[in-house]
Each structure stands twice: as structure tokens, then as C-alpha cells.
Amino acid sequence: MKIGIIINFHNNEKDIDPNVFIKQFVKTSHLQFCLVNNASKDNTFELLNEIKNKCCNVSVVNVKKFKSDISAIRAGARYMSSQFDLNHLGYVSINLLNISHHGLKGLIEAISENQQHLLKFNIQELNNRKIKLSLFQSLFSIVDYLKKIKVENQFIKIQYLCTF
């Protein structure tokens, strides 16, 4: 059972190390990634395409006119649902995270190392709900889930200190 992960970027050129992303994405066999470029004015889109070209489980969606984070995530969700048969969709909005200490590398490592835990936790959460949710209602925050399952990762510990 595959899980889709949408990662929303906006002007994050300085934070993206394509080699780190590629190394971690190759390790994630049960994850399909959608990297959303939300109208960046720097080279974010080019870096995301570089990652996509080297990873078979990565897609890129380019939002040409800036939208709110949730609207950009929904654009990624629409793309993922039309292209892949996924039961679960999670998201991360980079601009809402404290990435100053460990950069995006810590986030990508936490997702990669805990993909099975994320899937199990999401299934439990969905089973606890009485009604069936639509695609957009069932989107879940990857960072919130990683916090709830108490992942031992320095990046997630720093997110506890961050107020959103």
C-alpha cells in the first residue's frame, strides 16, 4: 500500500540540496512524492526538477501564480489522485517549519526512516473516524503525525519547540 507525500515549496532554493533529497527518496519504496513549487521567484523549480529527473517516485507540480499553502497542497493532491492509486496522502509545507537547525535533510530523513510508522498511524486515525472522508479531508500533516508517534529524530524535536 503506497502513501503519497506532498511537499510544498516557495523560494527555498537555499534550503534544497538535490543530492540529499535524491539519496533519501531512493530509499523510500512505499512513498510517492509530489514536490509543489508555489510560484517561486528563485531556482526552486529547477532544483525540484533535477530531483524528479533522478527519482522514479517523484513528481513536480508548478503553481505559476502564488497561492496559499493549503491551495498549493490541494493542487498537489489533485495531481496525485489523478496520476496514482494512493490510499493515503500526507503533506508538508516547508515555509511553516523551523528548518534553520537541520534544514530539509532532517525532515526528509524522518519521513524516509518512518514511512511504515506513518502508514500504520494514518490507518489507525482513519479507522477511528466514523465517517468516510473525501480526498481533501483525509489529507494529513506529516509533521503532526511524526510528533504524535514520537519519532526519535532531532528535526522533529526542534518542531516541538516551534509554534505554528
Protein backbone atom coordinates (compact mmCIF):
# COMPACT_ATOMS: atom_id res chain seq x y z
CA MET A 1 0.00 0.00 0.00
CA LYS A 2 1.58 3.26 -1.14
CA ILE A 3 1.36 6.57 0.58
CA GLY A 4 1.68 9.92 -1.17
CA ILE A 5 3.59 12.83 0.31
CA ILE A 6 3.11 16.37 -0.94
CA ILE A 7 5.87 18.83 -0.06
CA ASN A 8 5.11 22.49 -0.72
CA PHE A 9 8.00 24.86 -1.53
CA HIS A 10 8.17 28.61 -2.06
CA ASN A 11 11.52 30.30 -2.64
CA ASN A 12 13.50 27.54 -0.88
CA GLU A 13 16.45 27.38 -3.28
CA LYS A 14 18.99 27.86 -0.48
CA ASP A 15 17.44 25.06 1.60
CA ILE A 16 17.34 22.38 -1.11
CA ASP A 17 20.29 20.04 -1.57
CA PRO A 18 19.27 17.83 -4.52
CA ASN A 19 21.81 15.11 -3.59
CA VAL A 20 20.33 14.71 -0.09
CA PHE A 21 16.78 14.52 -1.46
CA ILE A 22 17.75 12.00 -4.13
CA LYS A 23 19.62 9.82 -1.64
CA GLN A 24 16.63 9.70 0.74
CA PHE A 25 13.91 9.38 -1.93
CA VAL A 26 15.63 6.36 -3.45
CA LYS A 27 15.31 4.62 -0.05
CA THR A 28 11.55 5.09 0.10
CA SER A 29 9.93 2.31 -1.86
CA HIS A 30 6.41 2.76 -0.47
CA LEU A 31 6.21 6.52 -0.89
CA GLN A 32 5.26 8.60 -3.90
CA PHE A 33 6.39 12.23 -3.59
CA CYS A 34 4.86 15.30 -5.18
CA LEU A 35 7.04 18.39 -4.87
CA VAL A 36 4.93 21.52 -5.35
CA ASN A 37 6.64 24.71 -6.41
CA ASN A 38 4.36 27.53 -5.29
CA ALA A 39 5.35 30.33 -7.69
CA SER A 40 8.95 30.61 -6.52
CA LYS A 41 10.95 33.52 -7.88
CA ASP A 42 14.30 31.79 -7.36
CA ASN A 43 15.65 28.49 -8.74
CA THR A 44 13.48 26.25 -6.55
CA PHE A 45 11.58 24.86 -9.54
CA GLU A 46 14.79 23.93 -11.38
CA LEU A 47 16.17 22.12 -8.31
CA LEU A 48 12.90 20.22 -7.85
CA ASN A 49 13.02 19.13 -11.49
CA GLU A 50 16.60 17.96 -11.03
CA ILE A 51 15.42 15.75 -8.16
CA LYS A 52 12.45 14.47 -10.20
CA ASN A 53 14.69 13.53 -13.12
CA LYS A 54 16.78 11.23 -10.90
CA CYS A 55 14.00 9.61 -8.85
CA CYS A 56 11.22 7.43 -10.21
CA ASN A 57 8.92 8.10 -7.25
CA VAL A 58 8.95 11.92 -7.51
CA SER A 59 6.65 14.27 -9.44
CA VAL A 60 6.75 18.05 -9.61
CA VAL A 61 3.77 20.39 -9.84
CA ASN A 62 4.47 24.01 -10.73
CA VAL A 63 1.92 26.52 -9.44
CA LYS A 64 2.56 29.60 -11.56
CA LYS A 65 0.58 32.16 -9.54
CA PHE A 66 1.26 32.23 -5.79
CA LYS A 67 -1.46 30.57 -3.71
CA SER A 68 -1.95 29.94 -0.01
CA ASP A 69 -0.13 26.91 1.36
CA ILE A 70 -3.32 24.86 1.57
CA SER A 71 -4.28 25.74 -2.02
CA ALA A 72 -0.85 24.69 -3.28
CA ILE A 73 -1.12 21.44 -1.30
CA ARG A 74 -4.56 20.82 -2.82
CA ALA A 75 -3.06 21.29 -6.29
CA GLY A 76 -0.55 18.58 -5.42
CA ALA A 77 -3.33 16.36 -4.04
CA ARG A 78 -5.38 16.73 -7.23
CA TYR A 79 -2.36 15.77 -9.29
CA MET A 80 -1.51 12.78 -7.07
CA SER A 81 -5.07 11.47 -7.07
CA SER A 82 -5.32 11.69 -10.85
CA GLN A 83 -1.94 10.05 -11.54
CA PHE A 84 -1.54 7.39 -8.86
CA ASP A 85 -3.65 4.86 -6.99
CA LEU A 86 -2.86 6.02 -3.45
CA ASN A 87 -4.86 5.32 -0.33
CA HIS A 88 -3.17 7.93 1.87
CA LEU A 89 -1.95 11.47 1.21
CA GLY A 90 0.19 13.46 3.61
CA TYR A 91 1.63 16.92 3.25
CA VAL A 92 4.38 19.18 4.50
CA SER A 93 4.57 22.92 3.94
CA ILE A 94 8.23 23.88 4.19
CA ASN A 95 7.51 27.53 4.97
CA LEU A 96 5.65 26.57 8.17
CA LEU A 97 8.60 24.62 9.58
CA ASN A 98 11.62 25.57 11.63
CA ILE A 99 14.32 24.35 9.24
CA SER A 100 17.10 26.60 10.45
CA HIS A 101 18.88 23.94 12.57
CA HIS A 102 18.74 20.77 10.47
CA GLY A 103 17.48 22.03 7.14
CA LEU A 104 15.25 19.93 4.97
CA LYS A 105 17.61 16.99 5.29
CA GLY A 106 16.25 16.20 8.77
CA LEU A 107 12.66 16.25 7.53
CA ILE A 108 13.37 14.02 4.55
CA GLU A 109 15.33 11.58 6.75
CA ALA A 110 12.47 11.48 9.30
CA ILE A 111 9.95 10.68 6.55
CA SER A 112 12.21 8.07 4.97
CA GLU A 113 13.07 6.34 8.25
CA ASN A 114 9.47 6.27 9.48
CA GLN A 115 7.41 5.53 6.39
CA GLN A 116 5.90 2.35 7.87
CA HIS A 117 5.01 4.12 11.14
CA LEU A 118 3.34 6.93 9.20
CA LEU A 119 1.24 4.48 7.23
CA LYS A 120 0.17 2.47 10.30
CA PHE A 121 -0.66 5.61 12.27
CA ASN A 122 -2.69 7.08 9.40
CA ILE A 123 -4.69 3.84 9.05
CA GLN A 124 -5.43 3.88 12.79
CA GLU A 125 -6.51 7.52 12.65
CA LEU A 126 -8.82 6.90 9.68
CA ASN A 127 -10.31 3.80 11.32
CA ASN A 128 -11.11 5.83 14.45
CA ARG A 129 -13.31 8.16 12.42
CA LYS A 130 -16.91 7.11 11.91
CA ILE A 131 -17.46 8.72 8.50
CA LYS A 132 -15.60 8.29 5.23
CA LEU A 133 -13.62 11.42 4.38
CA SER A 134 -13.16 12.97 0.95
CA LEU A 135 -9.66 13.19 -0.54
CA PHE A 136 -9.03 16.69 0.80
CA GLN A 137 -10.50 15.92 4.22
CA SER A 138 -8.24 12.89 4.60
CA LEU A 139 -5.01 14.81 3.90
CA PHE A 140 -2.79 14.60 6.95
CA SER A 141 0.15 16.64 8.21
CA ILE A 142 3.33 14.56 8.11
CA VAL A 143 4.97 16.66 10.84
CA ASP A 144 1.96 16.34 13.15
CA TYR A 145 1.94 12.56 12.67
CA LEU A 146 5.67 12.30 13.28
CA LYS A 147 5.18 14.24 16.53
CA LYS A 148 2.28 12.01 17.61
CA ILE A 149 4.15 8.77 17.02
CA LYS A 150 7.08 10.22 18.99
CA VAL A 151 9.72 9.72 16.34
CA GLU A 152 13.28 9.83 17.66
CA ASN A 153 14.61 12.39 15.21
CA GLN A 154 16.32 15.67 16.06
CA PHE A 155 14.38 17.52 13.36
CA ILE A 156 11.05 16.55 14.92
CA LYS A 157 12.26 17.51 18.41
CA ILE A 158 13.00 21.00 17.11
CA GLN A 159 9.50 21.21 15.62
CA TYR A 160 8.06 20.68 19.11
CA LEU A 161 9.74 23.93 20.12
CA CYS A 162 8.29 25.78 17.14
CA THR A 163 4.90 27.42 17.38
CA PHE A 164 2.79 27.39 14.27
